[in-house]
Amino acid sequence: MFEGGLPAGWVRFAAKCGSCGLDYARFNVGDGPAAFLTLIIGTIITGLAIWLDLAVNPPFWVHVILWVPLTAIMVMGGLRVAKGLLLIVEYHRDAREAGGRDPDDR
Protein backbone atom coordinates (compact mmCIF):
# COMPACT_ATOMS: atom_id res chain seq x y z
CA MET A 1 0.00 0.00 0.00
CA PHE A 2 1.18 3.52 -0.74
CA GLU A 3 2.29 5.15 2.52
CA GLY A 4 4.48 8.06 1.52
CA GLY A 5 3.67 11.08 -0.46
CA LEU A 6 5.51 12.94 -3.17
CA PRO A 7 4.51 16.44 -2.02
CA ALA A 8 5.52 17.60 1.45
CA GLY A 9 3.45 20.77 1.03
CA TRP A 10 1.37 22.40 -1.66
CA VAL A 11 4.18 22.49 -4.23
CA ARG A 12 7.27 21.20 -2.43
CA PHE A 13 8.52 17.62 -2.61
CA ALA A 14 9.24 15.48 0.41
CA ALA A 15 12.91 14.58 0.98
CA LYS A 16 12.35 10.93 0.07
CA CYS A 17 9.62 8.41 -0.61
CA GLY A 18 7.98 7.09 2.55
CA SER A 19 7.50 3.62 1.03
CA CYS A 20 10.69 2.81 -0.88
CA GLY A 21 13.12 5.49 0.32
CA LEU A 22 13.78 6.95 -3.17
CA ASP A 23 15.72 10.20 -2.74
CA TYR A 24 13.78 12.95 -4.52
CA ALA A 25 16.65 15.44 -4.15
CA ARG A 26 18.53 13.90 -7.11
CA PHE A 27 15.78 15.01 -9.51
CA ASN A 28 15.82 18.52 -10.92
CA VAL A 29 12.21 19.50 -11.51
CA GLY A 30 12.84 23.17 -10.72
CA ASP A 31 10.43 25.89 -11.77
CA GLY A 32 10.00 24.88 -15.41
CA PRO A 33 6.47 23.57 -14.89
CA ALA A 34 5.49 26.81 -13.13
CA ALA A 35 6.27 28.94 -16.18
CA PHE A 36 4.29 26.74 -18.55
CA LEU A 37 1.37 26.41 -16.15
CA THR A 38 1.22 30.14 -15.61
CA LEU A 39 1.01 30.75 -19.35
CA ILE A 40 -1.49 27.97 -20.03
CA ILE A 41 -3.77 28.69 -17.08
CA GLY A 42 -3.48 32.44 -17.67
CA THR A 43 -4.66 31.95 -21.24
CA ILE A 44 -7.61 29.83 -20.12
CA ILE A 45 -8.64 32.24 -17.35
CA THR A 46 -8.27 35.28 -19.62
CA GLY A 47 -10.44 33.65 -22.28
CA LEU A 48 -13.10 32.75 -19.74
CA ALA A 49 -13.03 36.24 -18.20
CA ILE A 50 -13.45 37.89 -21.60
CA TRP A 51 -16.27 35.51 -22.49
CA LEU A 52 -18.06 36.22 -19.19
CA ASP A 53 -17.60 39.95 -19.59
CA LEU A 54 -19.01 39.93 -23.12
CA ALA A 55 -21.88 37.57 -22.27
CA VAL A 56 -23.07 38.99 -18.93
CA ASN A 57 -21.08 42.22 -18.35
CA PRO A 58 -20.78 41.75 -14.56
CA PRO A 59 -19.22 44.39 -12.29
CA PHE A 60 -15.44 44.29 -11.80
CA TRP A 61 -15.65 42.86 -8.28
CA VAL A 62 -17.33 39.72 -9.67
CA HIS A 63 -14.28 39.13 -11.86
CA VAL A 64 -11.97 39.56 -8.87
CA ILE A 65 -13.99 37.25 -6.63
CA LEU A 66 -14.26 34.61 -9.35
CA TRP A 67 -10.94 34.58 -11.24
CA VAL A 68 -8.31 35.28 -8.57
CA PRO A 69 -9.12 32.25 -6.38
CA LEU A 70 -9.76 30.03 -9.40
CA THR A 71 -6.38 30.95 -10.89
CA ALA A 72 -4.57 30.28 -7.60
CA ILE A 73 -6.29 26.91 -7.15
CA MET A 74 -5.57 25.83 -10.73
CA VAL A 75 -1.89 26.81 -10.54
CA MET A 76 -1.31 25.14 -7.16
CA GLY A 77 -3.08 21.96 -8.18
CA GLY A 78 -1.43 21.95 -11.58
CA LEU A 79 2.03 22.38 -10.06
CA ARG A 80 1.61 19.25 -7.96
CA VAL A 81 0.66 17.24 -11.02
CA ALA A 82 3.22 18.77 -13.40
CA LYS A 83 6.15 18.43 -11.00
CA GLY A 84 5.16 14.86 -10.21
CA LEU A 85 4.97 14.00 -13.92
CA LEU A 86 8.35 15.62 -14.56
CA LEU A 87 9.89 13.62 -11.73
CA ILE A 88 8.42 10.41 -13.17
CA VAL A 89 9.88 11.17 -16.62
CA GLU A 90 13.30 11.95 -15.13
CA TYR A 91 13.21 8.73 -13.10
CA HIS A 92 12.26 6.54 -16.06
CA ARG A 93 14.89 8.13 -18.32
CA ASP A 94 17.52 8.06 -15.56
CA ALA A 95 18.11 11.78 -16.13
CA ARG A 96 21.05 13.50 -14.44
CA GLU A 97 22.66 16.92 -14.50
CA ALA A 98 25.07 17.48 -17.37
CA GLY A 99 28.39 15.79 -16.62
CA GLY A 100 26.80 13.67 -13.89
CA ARG A 101 27.73 10.35 -15.50
CA ASP A 102 29.93 8.93 -18.21
CA PRO A 103 27.89 8.54 -21.45
CA ASP A 104 29.82 5.33 -22.31
CA ASP A 105 28.95 3.80 -18.95
CA ARG A 106 25.59 2.14 -19.66
C-alpha atoms as a PDB file:
ATOM      1  CA  MET A   1       0.000   0.000   0.000  1.00  0.00           C
ATOM      2  CA  PHE A   2       1.185   3.521  -0.741  1.00  0.00           C
ATOM      3  CA  GLU A   3       2.290   5.153   2.518  1.00  0.00           C
ATOM      4  CA  GLY A   4       4.479   8.057   1.515  1.00  0.00           C
ATOM      5  CA  GLY A   5       3.669  11.083  -0.459  1.00  0.00           C
ATOM      6  CA  LEU A   6       5.512  12.935  -3.168  1.00  0.00           C
ATOM      7  CA  PRO A   7       4.514  16.437  -2.025  1.00  0.00           C
ATOM      8  CA  ALA A   8       5.521  17.602   1.445  1.00  0.00           C
ATOM      9  CA  GLY A   9       3.453  20.765   1.029  1.00  0.00           C
ATOM     10  CA  TRP A  10       1.374  22.397  -1.658  1.00  0.00           C
ATOM     11  CA  VAL A  11       4.178  22.493  -4.228  1.00  0.00           C
ATOM     12  CA  ARG A  12       7.270  21.196  -2.427  1.00  0.00           C
ATOM     13  CA  PHE A  13       8.521  17.615  -2.606  1.00  0.00           C
ATOM     14  CA  ALA A  14       9.242  15.478   0.415  1.00  0.00           C
ATOM     15  CA  ALA A  15      12.911  14.578   0.977  1.00  0.00           C
ATOM     16  CA  LYS A  16      12.350  10.930   0.067  1.00  0.00           C
ATOM     17  CA  CYS A  17       9.620   8.406  -0.609  1.00  0.00           C
ATOM     18  CA  GLY A  18       7.984   7.089   2.555  1.00  0.00           C
ATOM     19  CA  SER A  19       7.503   3.617   1.031  1.00  0.00           C
ATOM     20  CA  CYS A  20      10.690   2.806  -0.881  1.00  0.00           C
ATOM     21  CA  GLY A  21      13.122   5.487   0.315  1.00  0.00           C
ATOM     22  CA  LEU A  22      13.777   6.955  -3.170  1.00  0.00           C
ATOM     23  CA  ASP A  23      15.718  10.200  -2.742  1.00  0.00           C
ATOM     24  CA  TYR A  24      13.778  12.954  -4.522  1.00  0.00           C
ATOM     25  CA  ALA A  25      16.651  15.436  -4.147  1.00  0.00           C
ATOM     26  CA  ARG A  26      18.526  13.903  -7.107  1.00  0.00           C
ATOM     27  CA  PHE A  27      15.778  15.006  -9.510  1.00  0.00           C
ATOM     28  CA  ASN A  28      15.818  18.523 -10.916  1.00  0.00           C
ATOM     29  CA  VAL A  29      12.211  19.499 -11.507  1.00  0.00           C
ATOM     30  CA  GLY A  30      12.840  23.171 -10.716  1.00  0.00           C
ATOM     31  CA  ASP A  31      10.434  25.894 -11.768  1.00  0.00           C
ATOM     32  CA  GLY A  32      10.004  24.880 -15.407  1.00  0.00           C
ATOM     33  CA  PRO A  33       6.474  23.572 -14.892  1.00  0.00           C
ATOM     34  CA  ALA A  34       5.492  26.805 -13.130  1.00  0.00           C
ATOM     35  CA  ALA A  35       6.268  28.941 -16.178  1.00  0.00           C
ATOM     36  CA  PHE A  36       4.287  26.738 -18.551  1.00  0.00           C
ATOM     37  CA  LEU A  37       1.367  26.405 -16.152  1.00  0.00           C
ATOM     38  CA  THR A  38       1.223  30.144 -15.608  1.00  0.00           C
ATOM     39  CA  LEU A  39       1.013  30.752 -19.348  1.00  0.00           C
ATOM     40  CA  ILE A  40      -1.489  27.970 -20.032  1.00  0.00           C
ATOM     41  CA  ILE A  41      -3.774  28.691 -17.084  1.00  0.00           C
ATOM     42  CA  GLY A  42      -3.476  32.435 -17.670  1.00  0.00           C
ATOM     43  CA  THR A  43      -4.664  31.950 -21.241  1.00  0.00           C
ATOM     44  CA  ILE A  44      -7.614  29.831 -20.116  1.00  0.00           C
ATOM     45  CA  ILE A  45      -8.640  32.242 -17.346  1.00  0.00           C
ATOM     46  CA  THR A  46      -8.270  35.279 -19.619  1.00  0.00           C
ATOM     47  CA  GLY A  47     -10.440  33.652 -22.283  1.00  0.00           C
ATOM     48  CA  LEU A  48     -13.105  32.746 -19.736  1.00  0.00           C
ATOM     49  CA  ALA A  49     -13.030  36.236 -18.200  1.00  0.00           C
ATOM     50  CA  ILE A  50     -13.446  37.887 -21.600  1.00  0.00           C
ATOM     51  CA  TRP A  51     -16.270  35.507 -22.495  1.00  0.00           C
ATOM     52  CA  LEU A  52     -18.059  36.219 -19.187  1.00  0.00           C
ATOM     53  CA  ASP A  53     -17.604  39.954 -19.594  1.00  0.00           C
ATOM     54  CA  LEU A  54     -19.012  39.934 -23.118  1.00  0.00           C
ATOM     55  CA  ALA A  55     -21.879  37.566 -22.267  1.00  0.00           C
ATOM     56  CA  VAL A  56     -23.066  38.994 -18.934  1.00  0.00           C
ATOM     57  CA  ASN A  57     -21.079  42.216 -18.348  1.00  0.00           C
ATOM     58  CA  PRO A  58     -20.780  41.749 -14.560  1.00  0.00           C
ATOM     59  CA  PRO A  59     -19.222  44.394 -12.292  1.00  0.00           C
ATOM     60  CA  PHE A  60     -15.443  44.293 -11.800  1.00  0.00           C
ATOM     61  CA  TRP A  61     -15.654  42.859  -8.284  1.00  0.00           C
ATOM     62  CA  VAL A  62     -17.334  39.716  -9.672  1.00  0.00           C
ATOM     63  CA  HIS A  63     -14.280  39.134 -11.856  1.00  0.00           C
ATOM     64  CA  VAL A  64     -11.966  39.562  -8.875  1.00  0.00           C
ATOM     65  CA  ILE A  65     -13.993  37.252  -6.630  1.00  0.00           C
ATOM     66  CA  LEU A  66     -14.259  34.614  -9.353  1.00  0.00           C
ATOM     67  CA  TRP A  67     -10.944  34.583 -11.236  1.00  0.00           C
ATOM     68  CA  VAL A  68      -8.306  35.280  -8.574  1.00  0.00           C
ATOM     69  CA  PRO A  69      -9.123  32.246  -6.379  1.00  0.00           C
ATOM     70  CA  LEU A  70      -9.761  30.029  -9.405  1.00  0.00           C
ATOM     71  CA  THR A  71      -6.380  30.949 -10.886  1.00  0.00           C
ATOM     72  CA  ALA A  72      -4.574  30.277  -7.598  1.00  0.00           C
ATOM     73  CA  ILE A  73      -6.286  26.907  -7.151  1.00  0.00           C
ATOM     74  CA  MET A  74      -5.572  25.830 -10.727  1.00  0.00           C
ATOM     75  CA  VAL A  75      -1.893  26.812 -10.542  1.00  0.00           C
ATOM     76  CA  MET A  76      -1.307  25.145  -7.163  1.00  0.00           C
ATOM     77  CA  GLY A  77      -3.084  21.957  -8.181  1.00  0.00           C
ATOM     78  CA  GLY A  78      -1.425  21.949 -11.576  1.00  0.00           C
ATOM     79  CA  LEU A  79       2.030  22.378 -10.063  1.00  0.00           C
ATOM     80  CA  ARG A  80       1.605  19.249  -7.960  1.00  0.00           C
ATOM     81  CA  VAL A  81       0.661  17.238 -11.023  1.00  0.00           C
ATOM     82  CA  ALA A  82       3.217  18.774 -13.402  1.00  0.00           C
ATOM     83  CA  LYS A  83       6.151  18.433 -10.997  1.00  0.00           C
ATOM     84  CA  GLY A  84       5.157  14.859 -10.215  1.00  0.00           C
ATOM     85  CA  LEU A  85       4.974  13.996 -13.917  1.00  0.00           C
ATOM     86  CA  LEU A  86       8.349  15.622 -14.559  1.00  0.00           C
ATOM     87  CA  LEU A  87       9.893  13.618 -11.726  1.00  0.00           C
ATOM     88  CA  ILE A  88       8.421  10.408 -13.174  1.00  0.00           C
ATOM     89  CA  VAL A  89       9.877  11.172 -16.615  1.00  0.00           C
ATOM     90  CA  GLU A  90      13.295  11.952 -15.131  1.00  0.00           C
ATOM     91  CA  TYR A  91      13.209   8.727 -13.101  1.00  0.00           C
ATOM     92  CA  HIS A  92      12.261   6.543 -16.059  1.00  0.00           C
ATOM     93  CA  ARG A  93      14.887   8.128 -18.322  1.00  0.00           C
ATOM     94  CA  ASP A  94      17.522   8.062 -15.556  1.00  0.00           C
ATOM     95  CA  ALA A  95      18.114  11.783 -16.129  1.00  0.00           C
ATOM     96  CA  ARG A  96      21.053  13.496 -14.440  1.00  0.00           C
ATOM     97  CA  GLU A  97      22.656  16.918 -14.495  1.00  0.00           C
ATOM     98  CA  ALA A  98      25.070  17.481 -17.368  1.00  0.00           C
ATOM     99  CA  GLY A  99      28.386  15.795 -16.616  1.00  0.00           C
ATOM    100  CA  GLY A 100      26.798  13.670 -13.894  1.00  0.00           C
ATOM    101  CA  ARG A 101      27.725  10.351 -15.499  1.00  0.00           C
ATOM    102  CA  ASP A 102      29.930   8.928 -18.205  1.00  0.00           C
ATOM    103  CA  PRO A 103      27.890   8.537 -21.446  1.00  0.00           C
ATOM    104  CA  ASP A 104      29.816   5.332 -22.314  1.00  0.00           C
ATOM    105  CA  ASP A 105      28.950   3.802 -18.950  1.00  0.00           C
ATOM    106  CA  ARG A 106      25.587   2.136 -19.657  1.00  0.00           C
END
